[in-house]
C-alpha atoms as a PDB file:
ATOM      1  CA  UNK A   1     146.365-138.501-111.132  1.00  0.00           C
ATOM      2  CA  UNK A   2     149.512-137.031-109.474  1.00  0.00           C
ATOM      3  CA  UNK A   3     153.390-138.170-110.368  1.00  0.00           C
ATOM      4  CA  UNK A   4     156.820-137.644-109.351  1.00  0.00           C
ATOM      5  CA  UNK A   5     159.759-136.547-110.469  1.00  0.00           C
ATOM      6  CA  UNK A   6     163.550-137.124-110.618  1.00  0.00           C
ATOM      7  CA  UNK A   7     166.070-134.487-111.497  1.00  0.00           C
ATOM      8  CA  UNK A   8     169.771-135.674-112.129  1.00  0.00           C
ATOM      9  CA  UNK A   9     172.668-133.092-112.548  1.00  0.00           C
ATOM     10  CA  UNK A  10     175.209-135.164-115.103  1.00  0.00           C
ATOM     11  CA  UNK A  11     177.026-134.795-118.462  1.00  0.00           C
ATOM     12  CA  UNK A  12     176.448-135.217-122.100  1.00  0.00           C
ATOM     13  CA  UNK A  13     178.854-138.448-121.789  1.00  0.00           C
ATOM     14  CA  UNK A  14     176.554-139.720-119.472  1.00  0.00           C
ATOM     15  CA  UNK A  15     173.521-138.811-120.544  1.00  0.00           C
ATOM     16  CA  UNK A  16     172.117-142.319-122.556  1.00  0.00           C
ATOM     17  CA  UNK A  17     173.102-144.557-120.010  1.00  0.00           C
ATOM     18  CA  UNK A  18     171.284-142.917-117.569  1.00  0.00           C
ATOM     19  CA  UNK A  19     168.250-141.967-119.168  1.00  0.00           C
ATOM     20  CA  UNK A  20     168.226-145.995-120.103  1.00  0.00           C
ATOM     21  CA  UNK A  21     169.165-147.074-116.086  1.00  0.00           C
ATOM     22  CA  UNK A  22     165.715-144.836-115.272  1.00  0.00           C
ATOM     23  CA  UNK A  23     163.339-146.559-117.695  1.00  0.00           C
ATOM     24  CA  UNK A  24     164.656-149.947-116.061  1.00  0.00           C
ATOM     25  CA  UNK A  25     164.005-148.537-112.870  1.00  0.00           C
ATOM     26  CA  UNK A  26     160.212-147.933-114.330  1.00  0.00           C
ATOM     27  CA  UNK A  27     160.264-144.638-115.330  1.00  0.00           C
ATOM     28  CA  UNK A  28     157.694-143.724-117.190  1.00  0.00           C
ATOM     29  CA  UNK A  29     158.823-140.577-119.462  1.00  0.00           C
ATOM     30  CA  UNK A  30     162.793-139.056-119.936  1.00  0.00           C
ATOM     31  CA  UNK A  31     163.484-135.842-120.478  1.00  0.00           C
ATOM     32  CA  UNK A  32     167.026-134.000-121.291  1.00  0.00           C
ATOM     33  CA  UNK A  33     167.858-130.772-120.710  1.00  0.00           C
ATOM     34  CA  UNK A  34     170.058-127.883-121.438  1.00  0.00           C
ATOM     35  CA  UNK A  35     171.644-127.279-117.902  1.00  0.00           C
ATOM     36  CA  UNK A  36     173.653-124.202-118.168  1.00  0.00           C
ATOM     37  CA  UNK A  37     172.487-122.482-121.350  1.00  0.00           C
ATOM     38  CA  UNK A  38     174.317-123.543-123.759  1.00  0.00           C
ATOM     39  CA  UNK A  39     173.228-123.483-127.243  1.00  0.00           C
ATOM     40  CA  UNK A  40     173.931-126.381-130.181  1.00  0.00           C
ATOM     41  CA  UNK A  41     173.405-124.814-133.455  1.00  0.00           C
ATOM     42  CA  UNK A  42     173.781-127.509-135.854  1.00  0.00           C
ATOM     43  CA  UNK A  43     174.906-130.315-135.607  1.00  0.00           C
ATOM     44  CA  UNK A  44     176.346-132.301-138.009  1.00  0.00           C
ATOM     45  CA  UNK A  45     174.520-135.367-140.069  1.00  0.00           C
ATOM     46  CA  UNK A  46     173.728-137.678-138.522  1.00  0.00           C
ATOM     47  CA  UNK A  47     174.899-136.370-134.852  1.00  0.00           C
ATOM     48  CA  UNK A  48     172.030-135.932-131.535  1.00  0.00           C
ATOM     49  CA  UNK A  49     174.496-133.907-129.707  1.00  0.00           C
ATOM     50  CA  UNK A  50     173.576-132.930-125.928  1.00  0.00           C
ATOM     51  CA  UNK A  51     174.956-130.551-123.665  1.00  0.00           C
ATOM     52  CA  UNK A  52     177.974-130.535-121.545  1.00  0.00           C
ATOM     53  CA  UNK A  53     175.596-130.010-118.647  1.00  0.00           C
ATOM     54  CA  UNK A  54     172.203-132.296-119.407  1.00  0.00           C
ATOM     55  CA  UNK A  55     169.870-132.589-116.480  1.00  0.00           C
ATOM     56  CA  UNK A  56     168.000-136.047-117.191  1.00  0.00           C
ATOM     57  CA  UNK A  57     164.079-136.030-115.781  1.00  0.00           C
ATOM     58  CA  UNK A  58     162.526-138.955-115.001  1.00  0.00           C
ATOM     59  CA  UNK A  59     158.530-139.361-114.365  1.00  0.00           C
ATOM     60  CA  UNK A  60     157.615-141.883-112.179  1.00  0.00           C
ATOM     61  CA  UNK A  61     154.188-142.633-110.718  1.00  0.00           C
ATOM     62  CA  UNK A  62     153.448-141.152-107.574  1.00  0.00           C
ATOM     63  CA  UNK A  63     153.471-144.926-105.271  1.00  0.00           C
ATOM     64  CA  UNK A  64     157.024-145.137-106.780  1.00  0.00           C
ATOM     65  CA  UNK A  65     160.030-145.402-103.597  1.00  0.00           C
ATOM     66  CA  UNK A  66     162.205-142.628-105.425  1.00  0.00           C
ATOM     67  CA  UNK A  67     164.852-143.728-102.220  1.00  0.00           C
ATOM     68  CA  UNK A  68     165.173-147.085-104.037  1.00  0.00           C
ATOM     69  CA  UNK A  69     165.896-145.647-107.648  1.00  0.00           C
ATOM     70  CA  UNK A  70     169.039-143.538-105.527  1.00  0.00           C
ATOM     71  CA  UNK A  71     170.192-146.086-104.054  1.00  0.00           C
ATOM     72  CA  UNK A  72     170.374-147.653-107.802  1.00  0.00           C
ATOM     73  CA  UNK A  73     171.861-144.965-109.392  1.00  0.00           C
ATOM     74  CA  UNK A  74     174.188-144.740-106.444  1.00  0.00           C
ATOM     75  CA  UNK A  75     176.414-147.719-107.820  1.00  0.00           C
ATOM     76  CA  UNK A  76     177.013-146.449-111.277  1.00  0.00           C
ATOM     77  CA  UNK A  77     180.718-145.319-110.662  1.00  0.00           C
ATOM     78  CA  UNK A  78     180.420-142.501-113.346  1.00  0.00           C
ATOM     79  CA  UNK A  79     177.365-140.817-110.255  1.00  0.00           C
ATOM     80  CA  UNK A  80     178.782-141.711-107.059  1.00  0.00           C
ATOM     81  CA  UNK A  81     176.997-141.774-103.961  1.00  0.00           C
ATOM     82  CA  UNK A  82     177.611-137.337-104.201  1.00  0.00           C
ATOM     83  CA  UNK A  83     175.799-137.250-107.503  1.00  0.00           C
ATOM     84  CA  UNK A  84     173.104-133.588-107.560  1.00  0.00           C
ATOM     85  CA  UNK A  85     169.550-134.667-107.837  1.00  0.00           C
ATOM     86  CA  UNK A  86     165.979-133.463-106.761  1.00  0.00           C
ATOM     87  CA  UNK A  87     162.994-134.982-105.919  1.00  0.00           C
ATOM     88  CA  UNK A  88     159.757-133.099-107.422  1.00  0.00           C
ATOM     89  CA  UNK A  89     155.867-133.636-106.907  1.00  0.00           C
ATOM     90  CA  UNK A  90     153.662-133.195-110.149  1.00  0.00           C
ATOM     91  CA  UNK A  91     150.837-131.539-110.159  1.00  0.00           C
ATOM     92  CA  UNK A  92     147.850-133.735-111.905  1.00  0.00           C
ATOM     93  CA  UNK A  93     146.308-131.474-114.644  1.00  0.00           C
ATOM     94  CA  UNK A  94     144.942-131.541-118.305  1.00  0.00           C
ATOM     95  CA  UNK A  95     148.596-131.561-120.006  1.00  0.00           C
ATOM     96  CA  UNK A  96     146.635-131.094-123.283  1.00  0.00           C
ATOM     97  CA  UNK A  97     144.500-128.100-122.619  1.00  0.00           C
ATOM     98  CA  UNK A  98     148.285-126.738-120.450  1.00  0.00           C
ATOM     99  CA  UNK A  99     149.971-127.192-123.767  1.00  0.00           C
ATOM    100  CA  UNK A 100     147.162-125.567-126.108  1.00  0.00           C
ATOM    101  CA  UNK A 101     146.853-122.476-124.163  1.00  0.00           C
ATOM    102  CA  UNK A 102     150.492-121.683-124.475  1.00  0.00           C
ATOM    103  CA  UNK A 103     149.774-120.936-128.332  1.00  0.00           C
ATOM    104  CA  UNK A 104     148.377-117.886-129.555  1.00  0.00           C
ATOM    105  CA  UNK A 105     147.676-116.447-132.719  1.00  0.00           C
ATOM    106  CA  UNK A 106     151.442-114.373-134.124  1.00  0.00           C
ATOM    107  CA  UNK A 107     151.634-111.551-135.857  1.00  0.00           C
ATOM    108  CA  UNK A 108     154.287-110.777-138.661  1.00  0.00           C
ATOM    109  CA  UNK A 109     153.578-108.135-140.333  1.00  0.00           C
ATOM    110  CA  UNK A 110     150.483-105.935-141.155  1.00  0.00           C
ATOM    111  CA  UNK A 111     148.642-108.814-142.597  1.00  0.00           C
ATOM    112  CA  UNK A 112     150.150-112.318-142.604  1.00  0.00           C
ATOM    113  CA  UNK A 113     148.715-113.719-138.641  1.00  0.00           C
ATOM    114  CA  UNK A 114     149.754-117.628-137.712  1.00  0.00           C
ATOM    115  CA  UNK A 115     146.297-118.587-135.854  1.00  0.00           C
ATOM    116  CA  UNK A 116     146.658-122.182-134.062  1.00  0.00           C
ATOM    117  CA  UNK A 117     143.091-124.067-134.843  1.00  0.00           C
ATOM    118  CA  UNK A 118     141.720-123.740-131.735  1.00  0.00           C
ATOM    119  CA  UNK A 119     142.135-120.047-131.256  1.00  0.00           C
ATOM    120  CA  UNK A 120     139.558-117.294-132.922  1.00  0.00           C
ATOM    121  CA  UNK A 121     141.226-115.258-135.417  1.00  0.00           C
ATOM    122  CA  UNK A 122     141.956-111.717-134.631  1.00  0.00           C
ATOM    123  CA  UNK A 123     141.712-110.533-137.470  1.00  0.00           C
ATOM    124  CA  UNK A 124     139.514-112.620-139.953  1.00  0.00           C
ATOM    125  CA  UNK A 125     140.226-109.294-143.416  1.00  0.00           C
ATOM    126  CA  UNK A 126     144.350-110.104-142.694  1.00  0.00           C
ATOM    127  CA  UNK A 127     145.476-113.347-144.450  1.00  0.00           C
ATOM    128  CA  UNK A 128     145.831-115.773-141.732  1.00  0.00           C
ATOM    129  CA  UNK A 129     147.355-119.184-141.881  1.00  0.00           C
ATOM    130  CA  UNK A 130     146.143-121.568-139.637  1.00  0.00           C
ATOM    131  CA  UNK A 131     148.952-124.029-138.676  1.00  0.00           C
ATOM    132  CA  UNK A 132     148.875-126.126-135.405  1.00  0.00           C
ATOM    133  CA  UNK A 133     152.096-126.263-133.419  1.00  0.00           C
ATOM    134  CA  UNK A 134     154.285-130.104-133.363  1.00  0.00           C
ATOM    135  CA  UNK A 135     157.050-131.409-132.562  1.00  0.00           C
ATOM    136  CA  UNK A 136     159.103-130.652-135.117  1.00  0.00           C
ATOM    137  CA  UNK A 137     159.079-128.347-138.393  1.00  0.00           C
ATOM    138  CA  UNK A 138     158.480-124.413-138.150  1.00  0.00           C
ATOM    139  CA  UNK A 139     155.486-122.852-136.870  1.00  0.00           C
ATOM    140  CA  UNK A 140     156.713-119.515-137.009  1.00  0.00           C
ATOM    141  CA  UNK A 141     157.738-118.678-133.383  1.00  0.00           C
ATOM    142  CA  UNK A 142     161.644-119.541-134.701  1.00  0.00           C
ATOM    143  CA  UNK A 143     163.371-116.008-136.034  1.00  0.00           C
ATOM    144  CA  UNK A 144     164.638-117.242-138.928  1.00  0.00           C
ATOM    145  CA  UNK A 145     160.712-118.324-139.497  1.00  0.00           C
ATOM    146  CA  UNK A 146     159.276-115.302-138.752  1.00  0.00           C
ATOM    147  CA  UNK A 147     162.334-113.171-141.008  1.00  0.00           C
ATOM    148  CA  UNK A 148     161.502-115.726-143.626  1.00  0.00           C
ATOM    149  CA  UNK A 149     157.567-114.770-143.595  1.00  0.00           C
ATOM    150  CA  UNK A 150     158.571-110.929-143.343  1.00  0.00           C
ATOM    151  CA  UNK A 151     160.274-111.176-146.211  1.00  0.00           C
ATOM    152  CA  UNK A 152     157.217-113.466-148.628  1.00  0.00           C
ATOM    153  CA  UNK A 153     154.796-110.405-147.148  1.00  0.00           C
ATOM    154  CA  UNK A 154     156.625-107.467-149.338  1.00  0.00           C
ATOM    155  CA  UNK A 155     156.360-109.482-152.175  1.00  0.00           C
ATOM    156  CA  UNK A 156     154.276-109.137-155.273  1.00  0.00           C
ATOM    157  CA  UNK A 157     153.684-112.708-156.359  1.00  0.00           C
ATOM    158  CA  UNK A 158     151.112-111.887-159.422  1.00  0.00           C
ATOM    159  CA  UNK A 159     152.082-114.233-162.209  1.00  0.00           C
ATOM    160  CA  UNK A 160     155.240-115.825-159.202  1.00  0.00           C
ATOM    161  CA  UNK A 161     155.783-119.294-159.078  1.00  0.00           C
ATOM    162  CA  UNK A 162     157.887-120.037-155.609  1.00  0.00           C
ATOM    163  CA  UNK A 163     160.017-123.347-154.620  1.00  0.00           C
ATOM    164  CA  UNK A 164     160.165-123.644-150.519  1.00  0.00           C
ATOM    165  CA  UNK A 165     163.727-125.569-150.446  1.00  0.00           C
ATOM    166  CA  UNK A 166     163.334-127.101-147.270  1.00  0.00           C
ATOM    167  CA  UNK A 167     159.695-127.388-146.703  1.00  0.00           C
ATOM    168  CA  UNK A 168     158.965-128.614-143.184  1.00  0.00           C
ATOM    169  CA  UNK A 169     155.522-128.351-141.931  1.00  0.00           C
ATOM    170  CA  UNK A 170     155.265-125.934-145.251  1.00  0.00           C
ATOM    171  CA  UNK A 171     154.473-123.152-143.619  1.00  0.00           C
ATOM    172  CA  UNK A 172     156.347-120.759-146.588  1.00  0.00           C
ATOM    173  CA  UNK A 173     154.721-122.210-148.993  1.00  0.00           C
ATOM    174  CA  UNK A 174     151.338-121.890-147.418  1.00  0.00           C
ATOM    175  CA  UNK A 175     152.195-118.665-147.022  1.00  0.00           C
ATOM    176  CA  UNK A 176     153.388-117.356-150.096  1.00  0.00           C
ATOM    177  CA  UNK A 177     150.584-119.132-151.518  1.00  0.00           C
ATOM    178  CA  UNK A 178     148.031-117.271-148.957  1.00  0.00           C
ATOM    179  CA  UNK A 179     149.694-114.006-150.051  1.00  0.00           C
ATOM    180  CA  UNK A 180     149.277-114.526-153.747  1.00  0.00           C
ATOM    181  CA  UNK A 181     151.487-116.853-155.499  1.00  0.00           C
ATOM    182  CA  UNK A 182     150.665-118.392-158.773  1.00  0.00           C
ATOM    183  CA  UNK A 183     151.738-122.052-157.135  1.00  0.00           C
ATOM    184  CA  UNK A 184     154.679-123.083-155.215  1.00  0.00           C
ATOM    185  CA  UNK A 185     156.599-126.524-155.101  1.00  0.00           C
ATOM    186  CA  UNK A 186     157.728-127.794-151.774  1.00  0.00           C
ATOM    187  CA  UNK A 187     160.551-129.294-151.069  1.00  0.00           C
ATOM    188  CA  UNK A 188     162.388-131.613-148.775  1.00  0.00           C
ATOM    189  CA  UNK A 189     164.115-134.832-147.775  1.00  0.00           C
ATOM    190  CA  UNK A 190     161.724-135.602-144.706  1.00  0.00           C
ATOM    191  CA  UNK A 191     158.436-137.459-145.762  1.00  0.00           C
ATOM    192  CA  UNK A 192     157.199-136.691-142.345  1.00  0.00           C
ATOM    193  CA  UNK A 193     158.113-133.124-143.943  1.00  0.00           C
ATOM    194  CA  UNK A 194     156.417-133.630-146.966  1.00  0.00           C
ATOM    195  CA  UNK A 195     153.108-134.905-145.135  1.00  0.00           C
ATOM    196  CA  UNK A 196     152.953-132.332-142.747  1.00  0.00           C
ATOM    197  CA  UNK A 197     153.538-129.974-145.489  1.00  0.00           C
ATOM    198  CA  UNK A 198     150.530-131.659-147.403  1.00  0.00           C
ATOM    199  CA  UNK A 199     148.222-131.447-144.103  1.00  0.00           C
ATOM    200  CA  UNK A 200     148.372-128.068-143.094  1.00  0.00           C
ATOM    201  CA  UNK A 201     147.722-127.157-147.244  1.00  0.00           C
ATOM    202  CA  UNK A 202     144.968-128.885-147.394  1.00  0.00           C
ATOM    203  CA  UNK A 203     143.734-127.307-143.699  1.00  0.00           C
ATOM    204  CA  UNK A 204     144.333-123.720-145.369  1.00  0.00           C
ATOM    205  CA  UNK A 205     142.830-124.696-148.587  1.00  0.00           C
ATOM    206  CA  UNK A 206     145.103-124.349-150.875  1.00  0.00           C
ATOM    207  CA  UNK A 207     146.736-127.760-151.614  1.00  0.00           C
ATOM    208  CA  UNK A 208     145.685-127.839-155.223  1.00  0.00           C
ATOM    209  CA  UNK A 209     148.496-125.484-155.442  1.00  0.00           C
ATOM    210  CA  UNK A 210     150.946-126.754-153.959  1.00  0.00           C
ATOM    211  CA  UNK A 211     153.563-129.646-155.072  1.00  0.00           C
ATOM    212  CA  UNK A 212     155.121-131.365-153.335  1.00  0.00           C
ATOM    213  CA  UNK A 213     158.782-133.294-153.796  1.00  0.00           C
ATOM    214  CA  UNK A 214     160.991-135.419-152.012  1.00  0.00           C
ATOM    215  CA  UNK A 215     164.685-134.396-152.584  1.00  0.00           C
ATOM    216  CA  UNK A 216     165.335-137.118-154.970  1.00  0.00           C
ATOM    217  CA  UNK A 217     161.966-136.834-156.445  1.00  0.00           C
ATOM    218  CA  UNK A 218     162.430-132.937-157.852  1.00  0.00           C
ATOM    219  CA  UNK A 219     162.569-132.518-161.263  1.00  0.00           C
ATOM    220  CA  UNK A 220     165.748-131.218-162.330  1.00  0.00           C
ATOM    221  CA  UNK A 221     163.896-128.689-165.157  1.00  0.00           C
ATOM    222  CA  UNK A 222     162.352-126.806-162.018  1.00  0.00           C
ATOM    223  CA  UNK A 223     162.503-123.023-161.828  1.00  0.00           C
ATOM    224  CA  UNK A 224     160.554-120.644-159.838  1.00  0.00           C
ATOM    225  CA  UNK A 225     160.861-116.639-159.888  1.00  0.00           C
ATOM    226  CA  UNK A 226     161.225-117.236-156.276  1.00  0.00           C
ATOM    227  CA  UNK A 227     162.935-119.425-153.836  1.00  0.00           C
ATOM    228  CA  UNK A 228     163.194-119.375-150.004  1.00  0.00           C
ATOM    229  CA  UNK A 229     165.192-122.017-148.336  1.00  0.00           C
ATOM    230  CA  UNK A 230     165.034-121.867-144.288  1.00  0.00           C
ATOM    231  CA  UNK A 231     167.626-124.869-143.127  1.00  0.00           C
ATOM    232  CA  UNK A 232     171.354-124.306-141.897  1.00  0.00           C
ATOM    233  CA  UNK A 233     174.603-122.415-143.040  1.00  0.00           C
ATOM    234  CA  UNK A 234     175.910-126.002-144.355  1.00  0.00           C
ATOM    235  CA  UNK A 235     173.047-127.614-146.357  1.00  0.00           C
ATOM    236  CA  UNK A 236     173.006-123.896-148.018  1.00  0.00           C
ATOM    237  CA  UNK A 237     176.778-124.593-148.646  1.00  0.00           C
ATOM    238  CA  UNK A 238     176.833-127.746-149.331  1.00  0.00           C
ATOM    239  CA  UNK A 239     173.514-127.012-151.781  1.00  0.00           C
ATOM    240  CA  UNK A 240     174.321-123.707-153.282  1.00  0.00           C
ATOM    241  CA  UNK A 241     174.599-124.635-157.273  1.00  0.00           C
ATOM    242  CA  UNK A 242     171.444-126.683-157.093  1.00  0.00           C
ATOM    243  CA  UNK A 243     169.719-123.662-155.386  1.00  0.00           C
ATOM    244  CA  UNK A 244     171.205-121.143-157.590  1.00  0.00           C
ATOM    245  CA  UNK A 245     169.812-122.943-160.696  1.00  0.00           C
ATOM    246  CA  UNK A 246     166.162-123.965-159.506  1.00  0.00           C
ATOM    247  CA  UNK A 247     165.897-119.908-159.411  1.00  0.00           C
ATOM    248  CA  UNK A 248     165.496-117.767-162.728  1.00  0.00           C
ATOM    249  CA  UNK A 249     167.292-115.003-164.045  1.00  0.00           C
ATOM    250  CA  UNK A 250     165.898-112.075-162.373  1.00  0.00           C
ATOM    251  CA  UNK A 251     164.610-114.264-159.705  1.00  0.00           C
ATOM    252  CA  UNK A 252     164.248-113.584-155.440  1.00  0.00           C
ATOM    253  CA  UNK A 253     165.648-115.800-153.458  1.00  0.00           C
ATOM    254  CA  UNK A 254     165.997-115.467-149.696  1.00  0.00           C
ATOM    255  CA  UNK A 255     168.146-117.741-147.117  1.00  0.00           C
ATOM    256  CA  UNK A 256     167.914-118.630-143.431  1.00  0.00           C
ATOM    257  CA  UNK A 257     168.207-120.391-140.486  1.00  0.00           C
ATOM    258  CA  UNK A 258     172.285-118.760-140.381  1.00  0.00           C
ATOM    259  CA  UNK A 259     173.936-117.428-137.373  1.00  0.00           C
ATOM    260  CA  UNK A 260     174.882-113.829-138.104  1.00  0.00           C
ATOM    261  CA  UNK A 261     178.224-115.012-137.615  1.00  0.00           C
ATOM    262  CA  UNK A 262     177.524-117.371-140.116  1.00  0.00           C
ATOM    263  CA  UNK A 263     176.152-114.180-142.620  1.00  0.00           C
ATOM    264  CA  UNK A 264     178.375-113.102-144.353  1.00  0.00           C
ATOM    265  CA  UNK A 265     180.383-116.003-145.571  1.00  0.00           C
ATOM    266  CA  UNK A 266     177.366-117.375-147.000  1.00  0.00           C
ATOM    267  CA  UNK A 267     176.229-114.298-148.773  1.00  0.00           C
ATOM    268  CA  UNK A 268     179.882-114.244-149.873  1.00  0.00           C
ATOM    269  CA  UNK A 269     179.396-117.695-151.697  1.00  0.00           C
ATOM    270  CA  UNK A 270     176.154-116.745-153.230  1.00  0.00           C
ATOM    271  CA  UNK A 271     177.249-113.928-154.961  1.00  0.00           C
ATOM    272  CA  UNK A 272     178.679-115.617-157.668  1.00  0.00           C
ATOM    273  CA  UNK A 273     175.230-116.128-158.930  1.00  0.00           C
ATOM    274  CA  UNK A 274     173.089-113.384-157.265  1.00  0.00           C
ATOM    275  CA  UNK A 275     173.399-109.185-156.504  1.00  0.00           C
ATOM    276  CA  UNK A 276     173.182-109.904-152.684  1.00  0.00           C
ATOM    277  CA  UNK A 277     171.300-107.286-150.164  1.00  0.00           C
ATOM    278  CA  UNK A 278     172.389-106.715-146.507  1.00  0.00           C
ATOM    279  CA  UNK A 279     172.030-109.379-144.284  1.00  0.00           C
ATOM    280  CA  UNK A 280     168.585-108.913-142.192  1.00  0.00           C
ATOM    281  CA  UNK A 281     168.983-110.282-138.393  1.00  0.00           C
ATOM    282  CA  UNK A 282     166.339-111.043-135.917  1.00  0.00           C
ATOM    283  CA  UNK A 283     167.999-112.237-132.193  1.00  0.00           C
ATOM    284  CA  UNK A 284     170.780-113.919-133.217  1.00  0.00           C
ATOM    285  CA  UNK A 285     169.789-114.922-136.945  1.00  0.00           C
ATOM    286  CA  UNK A 286     170.359-113.725-140.155  1.00  0.00           C
ATOM    287  CA  UNK A 287     168.196-113.549-143.561  1.00  0.00           C
ATOM    288  CA  UNK A 288     169.864-112.893-146.789  1.00  0.00           C
ATOM    289  CA  UNK A 289     167.545-111.687-149.671  1.00  0.00           C
ATOM    290  CA  UNK A 290     169.337-111.374-153.513  1.00  0.00           C
ATOM    291  CA  UNK A 291     168.740-111.360-157.411  1.00  0.00           C
ATOM    292  CA  UNK A 292     169.339-113.842-159.749  1.00  0.00           C
ATOM    293  CA  UNK A 293     172.116-112.772-162.038  1.00  0.00           C
END
């Protein structure tokens, strides 16, 4: 079945109201996009930020008269009669297949691959993590996740316990287990992350070695030889004392989710507990590592 879409240029103050109006006019779905390549890196807690220049795209059935929709929009004072819009026909496709075709196995080091379940594994002798992309949490494609995976692949996991602090999809926890960790504990504030981590551990056959906790349920005495936290600069600083006390003396730490301009400040903050290394960078993102004093 063919579709038709209406794209409208607006701003962050009116995007929500415009979206609501388009839904009232019969839109089947709404997408908000950055209109001028303006990145938003770290929203505050509870904030859902939008770009100053936001493009709102509304999808309609092909027989909907979008001229009538445009006339209704022109009555809105925040748009007016001269607002910028574009009407486009959308090709009818097998969208699930189209989406799946965009994802391929990714190699992170000499032995570590992330592979979608519907793709053939390129190297059966490698350390292969089966992980399907979803709506949220890490799939390895973001530079911060890649930095953490590369670091994990460099470690010796013999008789080592690991904490994945902010486990998300469980990608780092599963990687540590498949690379040889004795056991891994995953911690997250989101119950959906706990469910995702559990499902991915089962898919990779390591569920028996992975223990998962919501943040409020984590044991106070929990400590590990290795801790990796791929979250954001603000929480990394706020939670630094808690993170530090979970790493055994001489244990190893990796922090990511940081922009390059944030790395030195966070590294200096962690110096009170760890001997910190020079930051590693990928694109505009950074990873910090250190040894517990």
